[in-house]
Amino acid sequence: MNQILSTENINNSKAKKQRNNGPKDIKSVTKFFAIMLLIFGIFLIVNSCYALNKDNKNTSSKTQTQEVEPTIEVEMKGEDKLLIRVLHEEGIDKISYNWENGDIKTKMGKGAKYLEEEIEIPAGENALYITATDINGVTKKYEDTFILETNTKIDISISGNNIKIDLNGKESISKFTYAWDEENPTEVKVEDTKYAMELEAPLGRHTLKIVATDINGEETEKEQEVIGTTKPVIKLEKGDNAYKIIATDEIGLDRIEITTVSDGKVVKIQADGKELEYNFPLKQNDENFIEIVAYNENGVASKKVRAKWPK
């Protein structure tokens, strides 16, 4: 009887203990998850604020570093002039402009927000290049081509040291003059609607100025910058049953060309440096009549050297 009562007491005690522990465990778990959700929510809010702040800083930084280029406007003034306008809110440091193959001219802005310059259009078809720079060093470039019709068209083509001048007139051309730099002009009579001639450029950098005058007295001018270089020099000697060719140039040789006059065949020998030595073998039962020309790196040709092996 006592054993039975004791067992019942023990069982009752366990059951009571389980009943007492159950609700406490549920409350603890619920409280834990509530705290974790609160922490997670705070983390999301903090992270969102940081990202938003970072985006705002990046946007602000981009806005502050955004470069505003100067504005360039070009307007025709009459038939032979242009008006260049440059505008900028921050201030203009300078504008630079030049016609095709012409000297670069610069006008200082000194921080002004508006700057203008009137220029003349040269005869013929020419490209105009403009660069505007603001006080922060930001640049804006402009390029366009303008055509000024004249009674006489002047074309200048350059091949090495050879300068070719071509004149074509709507009216008959009475004469034209040419001059290097500031030297006195040389006059050439034409009395035709077309004329062509060749000049050799002097050594160094020079400006060629041409003025053509038609029968009505209308003048057309054109200037061209030309760089004259030295010509290669060829020395020819008798070798061992061969021509010994020695070519030299102060700038650097590109090649020599040897032509056999009897059959017109051309042998090209590439060069590397300022001097080239080459032995050109003789043909048996042939007069070995040859022509030699050397070219430098600028495409300038030497004087043609002719040789015939003595029998």
C-alpha atoms as a PDB file:
ATOM      1  CA  MET A   1       0.000   0.000   0.000  1.00  0.00           C
ATOM      2  CA  ASN A   2       2.800   2.377   0.835  1.00  0.00           C
ATOM      3  CA  GLN A   3       4.632   1.385  -2.336  1.00  0.00           C
ATOM      4  CA  ILE A   4       1.604   2.157  -4.418  1.00  0.00           C
ATOM      5  CA  LEU A   5       1.175   5.556  -2.823  1.00  0.00           C
ATOM      6  CA  SER A   6       4.826   6.367  -3.321  1.00  0.00           C
ATOM      7  CA  THR A   7       4.690   5.540  -6.984  1.00  0.00           C
ATOM      8  CA  GLU A   8       1.672   7.682  -7.498  1.00  0.00           C
ATOM      9  CA  ASN A   9       3.342  10.572  -5.737  1.00  0.00           C
ATOM     10  CA  ILE A  10       6.394  10.305  -7.924  1.00  0.00           C
ATOM     11  CA  ASN A  11       4.323  10.200 -11.086  1.00  0.00           C
ATOM     12  CA  ASN A  12       2.230  13.104  -9.936  1.00  0.00           C
ATOM     13  CA  SER A  13       5.388  15.079  -9.181  1.00  0.00           C
ATOM     14  CA  LYS A  14       6.835  14.446 -12.659  1.00  0.00           C
ATOM     15  CA  ALA A  15       3.648  15.377 -14.374  1.00  0.00           C
ATOM     16  CA  LYS A  16       3.398  18.556 -12.368  1.00  0.00           C
ATOM     17  CA  LYS A  17       6.980  19.427 -13.152  1.00  0.00           C
ATOM     18  CA  GLN A  18       6.405  18.903 -16.859  1.00  0.00           C
ATOM     19  CA  ARG A  19       3.304  21.066 -16.704  1.00  0.00           C
ATOM     20  CA  ASN A  20       5.243  23.793 -14.921  1.00  0.00           C
ATOM     21  CA  ASN A  21       8.225  23.702 -17.410  1.00  0.00           C
ATOM     22  CA  GLY A  22       6.190  23.651 -20.646  1.00  0.00           C
ATOM     23  CA  PRO A  23       4.889  27.237 -20.724  1.00  0.00           C
ATOM     24  CA  LYS A  24       8.227  28.638 -19.548  1.00  0.00           C
ATOM     25  CA  ASP A  25      10.104  27.014 -22.480  1.00  0.00           C
ATOM     26  CA  ILE A  26       7.647  28.379 -25.036  1.00  0.00           C
ATOM     27  CA  LYS A  27       7.954  31.875 -23.615  1.00  0.00           C
ATOM     28  CA  SER A  28      11.763  31.693 -23.768  1.00  0.00           C
ATOM     29  CA  VAL A  29      11.760  30.597 -27.406  1.00  0.00           C
ATOM     30  CA  THR A  30       9.270  33.269 -28.346  1.00  0.00           C
ATOM     31  CA  LYS A  31      11.307  35.907 -26.567  1.00  0.00           C
ATOM     32  CA  PHE A  32      14.498  34.742 -28.315  1.00  0.00           C
ATOM     33  CA  PHE A  33      12.949  34.963 -31.778  1.00  0.00           C
ATOM     34  CA  ALA A  34      11.471  38.348 -30.993  1.00  0.00           C
ATOM     35  CA  ILE A  35      14.907  39.661 -30.017  1.00  0.00           C
ATOM     36  CA  MET A  36      16.474  38.173 -33.177  1.00  0.00           C
ATOM     37  CA  LEU A  37      13.814  39.749 -35.370  1.00  0.00           C
ATOM     38  CA  LEU A  38      14.384  43.091 -33.682  1.00  0.00           C
ATOM     39  CA  ILE A  39      18.155  42.843 -34.235  1.00  0.00           C
ATOM     40  CA  PHE A  40      17.647  41.816 -37.872  1.00  0.00           C
ATOM     41  CA  GLY A  41      15.277  44.722 -38.408  1.00  0.00           C
ATOM     42  CA  ILE A  42      17.787  47.169 -36.934  1.00  0.00           C
ATOM     43  CA  PHE A  43      20.499  45.692 -39.198  1.00  0.00           C
ATOM     44  CA  LEU A  44      18.333  46.195 -42.290  1.00  0.00           C
ATOM     45  CA  ILE A  45      17.554  49.788 -41.344  1.00  0.00           C
ATOM     46  CA  VAL A  46      21.212  50.630 -40.653  1.00  0.00           C
ATOM     47  CA  ASN A  47      22.350  48.944 -43.875  1.00  0.00           C
ATOM     48  CA  SER A  48      19.726  50.778 -45.932  1.00  0.00           C
ATOM     49  CA  CYS A  49      20.725  54.117 -44.419  1.00  0.00           C
ATOM     50  CA  TYR A  50      24.388  53.450 -45.191  1.00  0.00           C
ATOM     51  CA  ALA A  51      23.664  52.499 -48.794  1.00  0.00           C
ATOM     52  CA  LEU A  52      21.445  55.545 -49.269  1.00  0.00           C
ATOM     53  CA  ASN A  53      24.077  57.825 -47.774  1.00  0.00           C
ATOM     54  CA  LYS A  54      26.756  56.297 -49.994  1.00  0.00           C
ATOM     55  CA  ASP A  55      24.633  56.799 -53.121  1.00  0.00           C
ATOM     56  CA  ASN A  56      24.010  60.403 -52.148  1.00  0.00           C
ATOM     57  CA  LYS A  57      27.734  60.973 -51.680  1.00  0.00           C
ATOM     58  CA  ASN A  58      28.536  59.366 -55.035  1.00  0.00           C
ATOM     59  CA  THR A  59      25.844  61.424 -56.753  1.00  0.00           C
ATOM     60  CA  SER A  60      27.100  64.585 -55.076  1.00  0.00           C
ATOM     61  CA  SER A  61      30.683  63.724 -56.032  1.00  0.00           C
ATOM     62  CA  LYS A  62      29.713  63.121 -59.651  1.00  0.00           C
ATOM     63  CA  THR A  63      27.810  66.379 -59.752  1.00  0.00           C
ATOM     64  CA  GLN A  64      30.766  68.264 -58.330  1.00  0.00           C
ATOM     65  CA  THR A  65      33.301  66.684 -60.729  1.00  0.00           C
ATOM     66  CA  GLN A  66      31.149  66.953 -63.873  1.00  0.00           C
ATOM     67  CA  GLU A  67      33.024  69.004 -66.474  1.00  0.00           C
ATOM     68  CA  VAL A  68      31.199  71.632 -68.504  1.00  0.00           C
ATOM     69  CA  GLU A  69      32.794  72.280 -71.884  1.00  0.00           C
ATOM     70  CA  PRO A  70      32.984  75.732 -73.485  1.00  0.00           C
ATOM     71  CA  THR A  71      30.529  76.510 -76.291  1.00  0.00           C
ATOM     72  CA  ILE A  72      31.946  77.391 -79.741  1.00  0.00           C
ATOM     73  CA  GLU A  73      29.850  79.160 -82.391  1.00  0.00           C
ATOM     74  CA  VAL A  74      31.009  80.158 -85.901  1.00  0.00           C
ATOM     75  CA  GLU A  75      29.023  82.642 -88.020  1.00  0.00           C
ATOM     76  CA  MET A  76      29.590  83.891 -91.574  1.00  0.00           C
ATOM     77  CA  LYS A  77      30.269  87.640 -91.864  1.00  0.00           C
ATOM     78  CA  GLY A  78      29.796  88.696 -95.443  1.00  0.00           C
ATOM     79  CA  GLU A  79      31.383  86.533 -98.151  1.00  0.00           C
ATOM     80  CA  ASP A  80      34.956  86.237 -96.909  1.00  0.00           C
ATOM     81  CA  LYS A  81      34.924  86.514 -93.102  1.00  0.00           C
ATOM     82  CA  LEU A  82      33.941  84.413 -90.078  1.00  0.00           C
ATOM     83  CA  LEU A  83      32.994  85.436 -86.541  1.00  0.00           C
ATOM     84  CA  ILE A  84      34.126  82.990 -83.835  1.00  0.00           C
ATOM     85  CA  ARG A  85      32.189  83.143 -80.552  1.00  0.00           C
ATOM     86  CA  VAL A  86      33.147  81.252 -77.367  1.00  0.00           C
ATOM     87  CA  LEU A  87      30.942  81.174 -74.243  1.00  0.00           C
ATOM     88  CA  HIS A  88      31.463  79.577 -70.819  1.00  0.00           C
ATOM     89  CA  GLU A  89      29.930  80.127 -67.384  1.00  0.00           C
ATOM     90  CA  GLU A  90      33.144  79.389 -65.479  1.00  0.00           C
ATOM     91  CA  GLY A  91      35.321  81.692 -67.581  1.00  0.00           C
ATOM     92  CA  ILE A  92      37.488  81.344 -70.704  1.00  0.00           C
ATOM     93  CA  ASP A  93      41.253  80.999 -70.506  1.00  0.00           C
ATOM     94  CA  LYS A  94      42.042  81.165 -74.250  1.00  0.00           C
ATOM     95  CA  ILE A  95      40.998  80.201 -77.768  1.00  0.00           C
ATOM     96  CA  SER A  96      43.392  78.905 -80.446  1.00  0.00           C
ATOM     97  CA  TYR A  97      42.601  78.606 -84.158  1.00  0.00           C
ATOM     98  CA  ASN A  98      44.344  77.911 -87.443  1.00  0.00           C
ATOM     99  CA  TRP A  99      43.532  77.270 -91.067  1.00  0.00           C
ATOM    100  CA  GLU A 100      44.739  74.105 -92.751  1.00  0.00           C
ATOM    101  CA  ASN A 101      48.586  74.146 -92.896  1.00  0.00           C
ATOM    102  CA  GLY A 102      48.560  77.646 -91.361  1.00  0.00           C
ATOM    103  CA  ASP A 103      50.081  79.038 -88.185  1.00  0.00           C
ATOM    104  CA  ILE A 104      48.169  78.648 -84.903  1.00  0.00           C
ATOM    105  CA  LYS A 105      46.881  81.947 -83.510  1.00  0.00           C
ATOM    106  CA  THR A 106      45.851  82.399 -79.873  1.00  0.00           C
ATOM    107  CA  LYS A 107      43.613  84.935 -78.112  1.00  0.00           C
ATOM    108  CA  MET A 108      43.633  85.061 -74.302  1.00  0.00           C
ATOM    109  CA  GLY A 109      40.295  85.181 -72.480  1.00  0.00           C
ATOM    110  CA  LYS A 110      41.556  86.166 -68.997  1.00  0.00           C
ATOM    111  CA  GLY A 111      38.521  84.565 -67.352  1.00  0.00           C
ATOM    112  CA  ALA A 112      35.913  86.312 -69.491  1.00  0.00           C
ATOM    113  CA  LYS A 113      32.638  84.458 -70.023  1.00  0.00           C
ATOM    114  CA  TYR A 114      32.351  85.599 -73.649  1.00  0.00           C
ATOM    115  CA  LEU A 115      35.021  85.976 -76.308  1.00  0.00           C
ATOM    116  CA  GLU A 116      34.837  86.642 -80.038  1.00  0.00           C
ATOM    117  CA  GLU A 117      37.294  86.898 -82.919  1.00  0.00           C
ATOM    118  CA  GLU A 118      36.748  87.878 -86.563  1.00  0.00           C
ATOM    119  CA  ILE A 119      38.936  86.123 -89.148  1.00  0.00           C
ATOM    120  CA  GLU A 120      39.262  86.088 -92.944  1.00  0.00           C
ATOM    121  CA  ILE A 121      38.517  83.001 -95.041  1.00  0.00           C
ATOM    122  CA  PRO A 122      41.438  82.096 -97.322  1.00  0.00           C
ATOM    123  CA  ALA A 123      40.826  81.448-101.000  1.00  0.00           C
ATOM    124  CA  GLY A 124      39.853  77.944-102.076  1.00  0.00           C
ATOM    125  CA  GLU A 125      38.792  75.049 -99.850  1.00  0.00           C
ATOM    126  CA  ASN A 126      40.352  75.066 -96.382  1.00  0.00           C
ATOM    127  CA  ALA A 127      39.692  73.401 -93.014  1.00  0.00           C
ATOM    128  CA  LEU A 128      39.396  75.536 -89.873  1.00  0.00           C
ATOM    129  CA  TYR A 129      40.462  74.170 -86.464  1.00  0.00           C
ATOM    130  CA  ILE A 130      39.419  75.839 -83.188  1.00  0.00           C
ATOM    131  CA  THR A 131      40.235  74.883 -79.576  1.00  0.00           C
ATOM    132  CA  ALA A 132      38.617  76.678 -76.608  1.00  0.00           C
ATOM    133  CA  THR A 133      40.013  76.196 -73.076  1.00  0.00           C
ATOM    134  CA  ASP A 134      38.270  77.306 -69.874  1.00  0.00           C
ATOM    135  CA  ILE A 135      39.951  78.431 -66.633  1.00  0.00           C
ATOM    136  CA  ASN A 136      39.787  74.852 -65.292  1.00  0.00           C
ATOM    137  CA  GLY A 137      41.669  73.436 -68.265  1.00  0.00           C
ATOM    138  CA  VAL A 138      38.580  71.852 -69.882  1.00  0.00           C
ATOM    139  CA  THR A 139      38.831  72.031 -73.703  1.00  0.00           C
ATOM    140  CA  LYS A 140      36.359  71.965 -76.567  1.00  0.00           C
ATOM    141  CA  LYS A 141      37.406  71.402 -80.195  1.00  0.00           C
ATOM    142  CA  TYR A 142      35.728  72.537 -83.409  1.00  0.00           C
ATOM    143  CA  GLU A 143      36.490  71.643 -87.019  1.00  0.00           C
ATOM    144  CA  ASP A 144      34.815  72.600 -90.297  1.00  0.00           C
ATOM    145  CA  THR A 145      35.666  73.231 -93.942  1.00  0.00           C
ATOM    146  CA  PHE A 146      34.943  76.508 -95.759  1.00  0.00           C
ATOM    147  CA  ILE A 147      35.131  77.276 -99.463  1.00  0.00           C
ATOM    148  CA  LEU A 148      35.822  80.743-100.869  1.00  0.00           C
ATOM    149  CA  GLU A 149      35.319  80.829-104.612  1.00  0.00           C
ATOM    150  CA  THR A 150      37.852  82.872-106.591  1.00  0.00           C
ATOM    151  CA  ASN A 151      38.558  83.447-110.269  1.00  0.00           C
ATOM    152  CA  THR A 152      41.885  81.630-109.968  1.00  0.00           C
ATOM    153  CA  LYS A 153      42.406  78.303-108.185  1.00  0.00           C
ATOM    154  CA  ILE A 154      45.890  77.604-106.802  1.00  0.00           C
ATOM    155  CA  ASP A 155      46.904  74.020-105.964  1.00  0.00           C
ATOM    156  CA  ILE A 156      50.201  73.153-104.293  1.00  0.00           C
ATOM    157  CA  SER A 157      51.313  69.517-104.123  1.00  0.00           C
ATOM    158  CA  ILE A 158      54.452  68.300-102.363  1.00  0.00           C
ATOM    159  CA  SER A 159      56.499  65.204-103.137  1.00  0.00           C
ATOM    160  CA  GLY A 160      59.711  65.080-101.147  1.00  0.00           C
ATOM    161  CA  ASN A 161      61.582  68.262-102.035  1.00  0.00           C
ATOM    162  CA  ASN A 162      59.589  68.793-105.226  1.00  0.00           C
ATOM    163  CA  ILE A 163      56.827  71.418-105.109  1.00  0.00           C
ATOM    164  CA  LYS A 164      54.284  71.466-107.943  1.00  0.00           C
ATOM    165  CA  ILE A 165      52.163  74.567-108.529  1.00  0.00           C
ATOM    166  CA  ASP A 166      48.974  74.298-110.598  1.00  0.00           C
ATOM    167  CA  LEU A 167      46.948  77.368-111.613  1.00  0.00           C
ATOM    168  CA  ASN A 168      43.452  77.203-113.096  1.00  0.00           C
ATOM    169  CA  GLY A 169      41.545  80.423-113.872  1.00  0.00           C
ATOM    170  CA  LYS A 170      38.002  81.265-114.924  1.00  0.00           C
ATOM    171  CA  GLU A 171      39.611  84.180-116.715  1.00  0.00           C
ATOM    172  CA  SER A 172      43.009  84.268-118.350  1.00  0.00           C
ATOM    173  CA  ILE A 173      45.859  84.507-115.803  1.00  0.00           C
ATOM    174  CA  SER A 174      48.241  87.301-116.690  1.00  0.00           C
ATOM    175  CA  LYS A 175      50.988  86.437-114.137  1.00  0.00           C
ATOM    176  CA  PHE A 176      51.815  85.000-110.751  1.00  0.00           C
ATOM    177  CA  THR A 177      54.584  85.449-108.210  1.00  0.00           C
ATOM    178  CA  TYR A 178      56.136  83.091-105.686  1.00  0.00           C
ATOM    179  CA  ALA A 179      58.375  83.801-102.720  1.00  0.00           C
ATOM    180  CA  TRP A 180      59.974  81.840 -99.878  1.00  0.00           C
ATOM    181  CA  ASP A 181      59.389  83.459 -96.492  1.00  0.00           C
ATOM    182  CA  GLU A 182      60.161  87.196 -96.666  1.00  0.00           C
ATOM    183  CA  GLU A 183      62.321  87.162 -99.787  1.00  0.00           C
ATOM    184  CA  ASN A 184      61.513  89.241-102.853  1.00  0.00           C
ATOM    185  CA  PRO A 185      58.873  87.571-105.065  1.00  0.00           C
ATOM    186  CA  THR A 186      59.807  85.978-108.390  1.00  0.00           C
ATOM    187  CA  GLU A 187      57.399  86.879-111.211  1.00  0.00           C
ATOM    188  CA  VAL A 188      56.270  84.424-113.898  1.00  0.00           C
ATOM    189  CA  LYS A 189      54.285  85.457-117.010  1.00  0.00           C
ATOM    190  CA  VAL A 190      51.344  83.184-117.834  1.00  0.00           C
ATOM    191  CA  GLU A 191      48.720  84.720-120.210  1.00  0.00           C
ATOM    192  CA  ASP A 192      46.589  81.563-120.165  1.00  0.00           C
ATOM    193  CA  THR A 193      43.822  79.982-118.075  1.00  0.00           C
ATOM    194  CA  LYS A 194      46.111  77.124-116.967  1.00  0.00           C
ATOM    195  CA  TYR A 195      49.707  76.931-115.881  1.00  0.00           C
ATOM    196  CA  ALA A 196      51.924  74.453-114.007  1.00  0.00           C
ATOM    197  CA  MET A 197      55.502  74.538-112.786  1.00  0.00           C
ATOM    198  CA  GLU A 198      57.769  72.786-110.270  1.00  0.00           C
ATOM    199  CA  LEU A 199      60.069  74.185-107.602  1.00  0.00           C
ATOM    200  CA  GLU A 200      62.626  72.625-105.312  1.00  0.00           C
ATOM    201  CA  ALA A 201      62.194  73.362-101.620  1.00  0.00           C
ATOM    202  CA  PRO A 202      65.150  74.931 -99.821  1.00  0.00           C
ATOM    203  CA  LEU A 203      66.600  73.099 -96.827  1.00  0.00           C
ATOM    204  CA  GLY A 204      64.648  73.527 -93.572  1.00  0.00           C
ATOM    205  CA  ARG A 205      61.154  74.802 -92.710  1.00  0.00           C
ATOM    206  CA  HIS A 206      59.870  77.584 -94.988  1.00  0.00           C
ATOM    207  CA  THR A 207      56.614  79.229 -96.130  1.00  0.00           C
ATOM    208  CA  LEU A 208      55.860  79.433 -99.837  1.00  0.00           C
ATOM    209  CA  LYS A 209      53.593  82.338-100.840  1.00  0.00           C
ATOM    210  CA  ILE A 210      51.921  82.459-104.257  1.00  0.00           C
ATOM    211  CA  VAL A 211      49.948  85.392-105.692  1.00  0.00           C
ATOM    212  CA  ALA A 212      48.140  84.945-109.010  1.00  0.00           C
ATOM    213  CA  THR A 213      46.687  87.893-110.978  1.00  0.00           C
ATOM    214  CA  ASP A 214      44.105  87.500-113.765  1.00  0.00           C
ATOM    215  CA  ILE A 215      43.553  89.842-116.712  1.00  0.00           C
ATOM    216  CA  ASN A 216      40.988  91.808-114.675  1.00  0.00           C
ATOM    217  CA  GLY A 217      43.540  92.553-111.967  1.00  0.00           C
ATOM    218  CA  GLU A 218      41.904  90.231-109.379  1.00  0.00           C
ATOM    219  CA  GLU A 219      44.501  88.669-107.091  1.00  0.00           C
ATOM    220  CA  THR A 220      44.383  85.256-105.432  1.00  0.00           C
ATOM    221  CA  GLU A 221      46.839  84.309-102.668  1.00  0.00           C
ATOM    222  CA  LYS A 222      47.859  81.031-101.104  1.00  0.00           C
ATOM    223  CA  GLU A 223      50.506  80.099 -98.547  1.00  0.00           C
ATOM    224  CA  GLN A 224      51.954  76.659 -97.859  1.00  0.00           C
ATOM    225  CA  GLU A 225      54.446  75.515 -95.239  1.00  0.00           C
ATOM    226  CA  VAL A 226      57.170  73.290 -96.680  1.00  0.00           C
ATOM    227  CA  ILE A 227      59.997  71.366 -95.020  1.00  0.00           C
ATOM    228  CA  GLY A 228      62.992  70.908 -97.302  1.00  0.00           C
ATOM    229  CA  THR A 229      65.426  68.102 -96.580  1.00  0.00           C
ATOM    230  CA  THR A 230      68.831  67.103 -97.885  1.00  0.00           C
ATOM    231  CA  LYS A 231      69.096  64.776-100.857  1.00  0.00           C
ATOM    232  CA  PRO A 232      70.836  61.407-100.702  1.00  0.00           C
ATOM    233  CA  VAL A 233      74.273  61.230-102.309  1.00  0.00           C
ATOM    234  CA  ILE A 234      75.432  58.353-104.508  1.00  0.00           C
ATOM    235  CA  LYS A 235      79.077  57.413-105.057  1.00  0.00           C
ATOM    236  CA  LEU A 236      79.936  54.815-107.713  1.00  0.00           C
ATOM    237  CA  GLU A 237      83.170  52.814-107.893  1.00  0.00           C
ATOM    238  CA  LYS A 238      84.505  49.844-109.829  1.00  0.00           C
ATOM    239  CA  GLY A 239      84.449  46.674-107.779  1.00  0.00           C
ATOM    240  CA  ASP A 240      85.463  43.087-108.508  1.00  0.00           C
ATOM    241  CA  ASN A 241      83.443  42.425-111.669  1.00  0.00           C
ATOM    242  CA  ALA A 242      80.677  44.572-110.154  1.00  0.00           C
ATOM    243  CA  TYR A 243      79.549  48.152-109.596  1.00  0.00           C
ATOM    244  CA  LYS A 244      80.255  49.219-106.028  1.00  0.00           C
ATOM    245  CA  ILE A 245      77.423  51.573-105.023  1.00  0.00           C
ATOM    246  CA  ILE A 246      77.722  53.697-101.867  1.00  0.00           C
ATOM    247  CA  ALA A 247      74.672  55.769-100.898  1.00  0.00           C
ATOM    248  CA  THR A 248      74.501  58.167 -97.927  1.00  0.00           C
ATOM    249  CA  ASP A 249      71.942  60.549 -96.413  1.00  0.00           C
ATOM    250  CA  GLU A 250      71.966  62.778 -93.319  1.00  0.00           C
ATOM    251  CA  ILE A 251      68.423  61.850 -92.300  1.00  0.00           C
ATOM    252  CA  GLY A 252      68.392  58.153 -93.180  1.00  0.00           C
ATOM    253  CA  LEU A 253      68.126  56.075 -96.337  1.00  0.00           C
ATOM    254  CA  ASP A 254      65.006  54.187 -97.347  1.00  0.00           C
ATOM    255  CA  ARG A 255      66.196  52.374-100.483  1.00  0.00           C
ATOM    256  CA  ILE A 256      68.161  52.512-103.715  1.00  0.00           C
ATOM    257  CA  GLU A 257      66.752  51.586-107.110  1.00  0.00           C
ATOM    258  CA  ILE A 258      68.984  50.238-109.886  1.00  0.00           C
ATOM    259  CA  THR A 259      67.596  50.139-113.433  1.00  0.00           C
ATOM    260  CA  THR A 260      69.271  48.198-116.240  1.00  0.00           C
ATOM    261  CA  VAL A 261      68.678  50.364-119.304  1.00  0.00           C
ATOM    262  CA  SER A 262      68.820  47.490-121.794  1.00  0.00           C
ATOM    263  CA  ASP A 263      65.730  45.716-120.464  1.00  0.00           C
ATOM    264  CA  GLY A 264      64.192  48.286-118.087  1.00  0.00           C
ATOM    265  CA  LYS A 265      64.298  45.952-115.077  1.00  0.00           C
ATOM    266  CA  VAL A 266      64.444  47.639-111.658  1.00  0.00           C
ATOM    267  CA  VAL A 267      66.207  46.184-108.631  1.00  0.00           C
ATOM    268  CA  LYS A 268      65.180  47.702-105.272  1.00  0.00           C
ATOM    269  CA  ILE A 269      67.555  47.415-102.314  1.00  0.00           C
ATOM    270  CA  GLN A 270      66.116  48.377 -98.913  1.00  0.00           C
ATOM    271  CA  ALA A 271      68.329  50.403 -96.588  1.00  0.00           C
ATOM    272  CA  ASP A 272      68.540  50.729 -92.816  1.00  0.00           C
ATOM    273  CA  GLY A 273      70.557  53.678 -91.564  1.00  0.00           C
ATOM    274  CA  LYS A 274      72.359  56.603 -93.082  1.00  0.00           C
ATOM    275  CA  GLU A 275      74.685  54.612 -95.353  1.00  0.00           C
ATOM    276  CA  LEU A 276      74.287  51.670 -97.715  1.00  0.00           C
ATOM    277  CA  GLU A 277      76.988  49.827 -99.646  1.00  0.00           C
ATOM    278  CA  TYR A 278      75.971  47.399-102.383  1.00  0.00           C
ATOM    279  CA  ASN A 279      77.795  45.461-105.122  1.00  0.00           C
ATOM    280  CA  PHE A 280      75.773  45.167-108.348  1.00  0.00           C
ATOM    281  CA  PRO A 281      77.194  42.315-110.468  1.00  0.00           C
ATOM    282  CA  LEU A 282      78.041  42.809-114.133  1.00  0.00           C
ATOM    283  CA  LYS A 283      76.449  40.796-116.929  1.00  0.00           C
ATOM    284  CA  GLN A 284      78.665  39.111-119.483  1.00  0.00           C
ATOM    285  CA  ASN A 285      78.457  40.257-123.077  1.00  0.00           C
ATOM    286  CA  ASP A 286      76.542  43.369-122.005  1.00  0.00           C
ATOM    287  CA  GLU A 287      77.469  47.027-121.866  1.00  0.00           C
ATOM    288  CA  ASN A 288      76.028  47.127-118.302  1.00  0.00           C
ATOM    289  CA  PHE A 289      74.389  50.512-118.712  1.00  0.00           C
ATOM    290  CA  ILE A 290      72.576  51.279-115.428  1.00  0.00           C
ATOM    291  CA  GLU A 291      70.754  54.147-113.697  1.00  0.00           C
ATOM    292  CA  ILE A 292      70.792  54.540-109.905  1.00  0.00           C
ATOM    293  CA  VAL A 293      68.500  56.620-107.656  1.00  0.00           C
ATOM    294  CA  ALA A 294      68.520  56.685-103.833  1.00  0.00           C
ATOM    295  CA  TYR A 295      65.568  57.739-101.636  1.00  0.00           C
ATOM    296  CA  ASN A 296      65.692  58.930 -98.036  1.00  0.00           C
ATOM    297  CA  GLU A 297      63.092  58.395 -95.288  1.00  0.00           C
ATOM    298  CA  ASN A 298      61.202  61.562 -96.344  1.00  0.00           C
ATOM    299  CA  GLY A 299      60.833  60.319 -99.903  1.00  0.00           C
ATOM    300  CA  VAL A 300      63.400  62.754-101.300  1.00  0.00           C
ATOM    301  CA  ALA A 301      65.277  61.344-104.297  1.00  0.00           C
ATOM    302  CA  SER A 302      68.924  61.813-105.153  1.00  0.00           C
ATOM    303  CA  LYS A 303      70.190  62.937-108.501  1.00  0.00           C
ATOM    304  CA  LYS A 304      70.049  60.112-111.029  1.00  0.00           C
ATOM    305  CA  VAL A 305      73.462  58.548-111.584  1.00  0.00           C
ATOM    306  CA  ARG A 306      74.163  56.806-114.880  1.00  0.00           C
ATOM    307  CA  ALA A 307      77.072  54.482-115.538  1.00  0.00           C
ATOM    308  CA  LYS A 308      78.297  52.343-118.432  1.00  0.00           C
ATOM    309  CA  TRP A 309      81.069  49.850-117.805  1.00  0.00           C
ATOM    310  CA  PRO A 310      83.947  50.510-120.214  1.00  0.00           C
ATOM    311  CA  LYS A 311      84.824  47.595-122.510  1.00  0.00           C
END
